[in-house]
Amino acid sequence: MTEHGPLPTMPTLDPSHPAQDRLIAAVLAGDIASARTALADGADANTWRDYDECWDRTRMDGREPVLLCAARQGQVDLVTLLLQHGADPDARDSLSGRTALVAAA
């Protein structure tokens, strides 16, 4: 539970299914062709990326949906592709509570 409500159920990366990792890398690089391939290979559009933040010298582990990463980078084509593949537009960053819509604004 966060101040923004309960944490969503987050898919766990399956080491035997590298398409998830390829999707994360593609979104972070803004590479729509690679993202399309990863999705075609079975990656989940609701994949989450782990990250860490340091706030006031305290390290915090966070998770954010790849849709939020794409929106934050202004990658409209990637956002559209992820939404077409079922990405949840209401999924929130586990630390900030931001959604893709907030990041895109």
C-alpha atoms as a PDB file:
ATOM      1  CA  MET A   1       0.000   0.000   0.000  1.00  0.00           C
ATOM      2  CA  THR A   2       1.259   3.465  -0.877  1.00  0.00           C
ATOM      3  CA  GLU A   3      -0.207   6.901  -0.255  1.00  0.00           C
ATOM      4  CA  HIS A   4      -1.672   6.538  -3.768  1.00  0.00           C
ATOM      5  CA  GLY A   5      -3.530   3.317  -2.978  1.00  0.00           C
ATOM      6  CA  PRO A   6      -2.637  -0.351  -3.176  1.00  0.00           C
ATOM      7  CA  LEU A   7       0.214  -1.472  -5.370  1.00  0.00           C
ATOM      8  CA  PRO A   8      -0.976  -3.173  -8.543  1.00  0.00           C
ATOM      9  CA  THR A   9      -0.268  -6.790  -9.230  1.00  0.00           C
ATOM     10  CA  MET A  10       3.024  -6.629 -11.063  1.00  0.00           C
ATOM     11  CA  PRO A  11       4.190  -9.263 -13.521  1.00  0.00           C
ATOM     12  CA  THR A  12       7.473 -10.845 -12.560  1.00  0.00           C
ATOM     13  CA  LEU A  13      10.135 -11.220 -15.192  1.00  0.00           C
ATOM     14  CA  ASP A  14      10.611 -14.831 -16.169  1.00  0.00           C
ATOM     15  CA  PRO A  15      14.300 -15.597 -16.790  1.00  0.00           C
ATOM     16  CA  SER A  16      13.248 -18.239 -19.294  1.00  0.00           C
ATOM     17  CA  HIS A  17      11.364 -15.594 -21.314  1.00  0.00           C
ATOM     18  CA  PRO A  18      13.878 -12.913 -22.399  1.00  0.00           C
ATOM     19  CA  ALA A  19      11.300 -11.037 -24.492  1.00  0.00           C
ATOM     20  CA  GLN A  20      10.360  -9.107 -21.335  1.00  0.00           C
ATOM     21  CA  ASP A  21      13.920  -7.831 -20.892  1.00  0.00           C
ATOM     22  CA  ARG A  22      14.115  -6.984 -24.602  1.00  0.00           C
ATOM     23  CA  LEU A  23      10.910  -4.971 -24.330  1.00  0.00           C
ATOM     24  CA  ILE A  24      12.260  -2.999 -21.384  1.00  0.00           C
ATOM     25  CA  ALA A  25      15.523  -2.289 -23.246  1.00  0.00           C
ATOM     26  CA  ALA A  26      13.639  -1.294 -26.404  1.00  0.00           C
ATOM     27  CA  VAL A  27      11.378   1.124 -24.533  1.00  0.00           C
ATOM     28  CA  LEU A  28      14.300   2.710 -22.686  1.00  0.00           C
ATOM     29  CA  ALA A  29      16.149   3.130 -26.003  1.00  0.00           C
ATOM     30  CA  GLY A  30      13.054   4.420 -27.802  1.00  0.00           C
ATOM     31  CA  ASP A  31      13.387   1.578 -30.327  1.00  0.00           C
ATOM     32  CA  ILE A  32       9.891   0.859 -31.643  1.00  0.00           C
ATOM     33  CA  ALA A  33      11.020  -1.877 -34.054  1.00  0.00           C
ATOM     34  CA  SER A  34      12.647  -3.860 -31.239  1.00  0.00           C
ATOM     35  CA  ALA A  35       9.640  -3.261 -28.985  1.00  0.00           C
ATOM     36  CA  ARG A  36       7.336  -4.569 -31.715  1.00  0.00           C
ATOM     37  CA  THR A  37       9.523  -7.683 -32.077  1.00  0.00           C
ATOM     38  CA  ALA A  38       9.610  -8.286 -28.309  1.00  0.00           C
ATOM     39  CA  LEU A  39       5.816  -8.015 -28.145  1.00  0.00           C
ATOM     40  CA  ALA A  40       5.461 -10.389 -31.099  1.00  0.00           C
ATOM     41  CA  ASP A  41       7.750 -12.807 -29.221  1.00  0.00           C
ATOM     42  CA  GLY A  42       5.351 -12.772 -26.273  1.00  0.00           C
ATOM     43  CA  ALA A  43       6.518  -9.916 -24.045  1.00  0.00           C
ATOM     44  CA  ASP A  44       3.794  -8.511 -21.802  1.00  0.00           C
ATOM     45  CA  ALA A  45       2.927  -4.851 -22.541  1.00  0.00           C
ATOM     46  CA  ASN A  46       2.364  -4.500 -18.779  1.00  0.00           C
ATOM     47  CA  THR A  47       5.983  -5.314 -17.982  1.00  0.00           C
ATOM     48  CA  TRP A  48       7.534  -3.309 -15.160  1.00  0.00           C
ATOM     49  CA  ARG A  49      11.050  -1.911 -14.900  1.00  0.00           C
ATOM     50  CA  ASP A  50      12.886  -1.994 -11.574  1.00  0.00           C
ATOM     51  CA  TYR A  51      14.896   1.077 -10.572  1.00  0.00           C
ATOM     52  CA  ASP A  52      16.317   2.657  -7.468  1.00  0.00           C
ATOM     53  CA  GLU A  53      16.182   6.226  -6.211  1.00  0.00           C
ATOM     54  CA  CYS A  54      18.084   8.024  -3.525  1.00  0.00           C
ATOM     55  CA  TRP A  55      15.992  10.470  -1.563  1.00  0.00           C
ATOM     56  CA  ASP A  56      17.675  12.321   1.264  1.00  0.00           C
ATOM     57  CA  ARG A  57      20.448   9.693   1.362  1.00  0.00           C
ATOM     58  CA  THR A  58      17.941   6.852   1.577  1.00  0.00           C
ATOM     59  CA  ARG A  59      17.941   4.271  -1.204  1.00  0.00           C
ATOM     60  CA  MET A  60      14.479   3.203  -2.279  1.00  0.00           C
ATOM     61  CA  ASP A  61      13.592   0.450  -4.735  1.00  0.00           C
ATOM     62  CA  GLY A  62      10.876   1.305  -7.199  1.00  0.00           C
ATOM     63  CA  ARG A  63       9.041  -0.204 -10.133  1.00  0.00           C
ATOM     64  CA  GLU A  64       7.451   1.525 -13.070  1.00  0.00           C
ATOM     65  CA  PRO A  65       5.445   0.227 -16.009  1.00  0.00           C
ATOM     66  CA  VAL A  66       7.181   0.408 -19.380  1.00  0.00           C
ATOM     67  CA  LEU A  67       4.240   2.497 -20.602  1.00  0.00           C
ATOM     68  CA  LEU A  68       5.257   5.178 -18.098  1.00  0.00           C
ATOM     69  CA  CYS A  69       8.872   5.033 -19.361  1.00  0.00           C
ATOM     70  CA  ALA A  70       7.710   5.550 -22.947  1.00  0.00           C
ATOM     71  CA  ALA A  71       5.362   8.395 -21.998  1.00  0.00           C
ATOM     72  CA  ARG A  72       8.016  10.151 -19.922  1.00  0.00           C
ATOM     73  CA  GLN A  73      10.362  10.083 -22.928  1.00  0.00           C
ATOM     74  CA  GLY A  74       7.670  11.480 -25.228  1.00  0.00           C
ATOM     75  CA  GLN A  75       7.689   8.312 -27.355  1.00  0.00           C
ATOM     76  CA  VAL A  76       4.165   8.639 -28.766  1.00  0.00           C
ATOM     77  CA  ASP A  77       4.548   5.713 -31.185  1.00  0.00           C
ATOM     78  CA  LEU A  78       5.775   3.433 -28.402  1.00  0.00           C
ATOM     79  CA  VAL A  79       2.960   4.530 -26.103  1.00  0.00           C
ATOM     80  CA  THR A  80       0.457   3.769 -28.866  1.00  0.00           C
ATOM     81  CA  LEU A  81       2.035   0.374 -29.551  1.00  0.00           C
ATOM     82  CA  LEU A  82       1.989  -0.596 -25.868  1.00  0.00           C
ATOM     83  CA  LEU A  83      -1.635   0.507 -25.474  1.00  0.00           C
ATOM     84  CA  GLN A  84      -2.597  -1.487 -28.570  1.00  0.00           C
ATOM     85  CA  HIS A  85      -1.032  -4.528 -26.883  1.00  0.00           C
ATOM     86  CA  GLY A  86      -3.029  -4.060 -23.688  1.00  0.00           C
ATOM     87  CA  ALA A  87      -0.802  -1.865 -21.500  1.00  0.00           C
ATOM     88  CA  ASP A  88      -2.750  -0.523 -18.515  1.00  0.00           C
ATOM     89  CA  PRO A  89      -2.933   3.297 -18.787  1.00  0.00           C
ATOM     90  CA  ASP A  90      -3.758   3.528 -15.071  1.00  0.00           C
ATOM     91  CA  ALA A  91      -0.691   1.588 -13.849  1.00  0.00           C
ATOM     92  CA  ARG A  92       1.261   3.697 -11.355  1.00  0.00           C
ATOM     93  CA  ASP A  93       4.917   4.052 -10.462  1.00  0.00           C
ATOM     94  CA  SER A  94       5.396   2.299  -7.129  1.00  0.00           C
ATOM     95  CA  LEU A  95       7.189   5.256  -5.509  1.00  0.00           C
ATOM     96  CA  SER A  96       5.682   8.397  -7.002  1.00  0.00           C
ATOM     97  CA  GLY A  97       2.247   7.094  -7.933  1.00  0.00           C
ATOM     98  CA  ARG A  98       2.540   8.731 -11.360  1.00  0.00           C
ATOM     99  CA  THR A  99       0.748   7.265 -14.356  1.00  0.00           C
ATOM    100  CA  ALA A 100       1.722   7.462 -18.022  1.00  0.00           C
ATOM    101  CA  LEU A 101      -0.822  10.254 -18.513  1.00  0.00           C
ATOM    102  CA  VAL A 102       0.805  12.374 -15.812  1.00  0.00           C
ATOM    103  CA  ALA A 103       4.257  11.701 -17.259  1.00  0.00           C
ATOM    104  CA  ALA A 104       3.134  12.655 -20.768  1.00  0.00           C
ATOM    105  CA  ALA A 105       1.637  15.979 -19.654  1.00  0.00           C
END
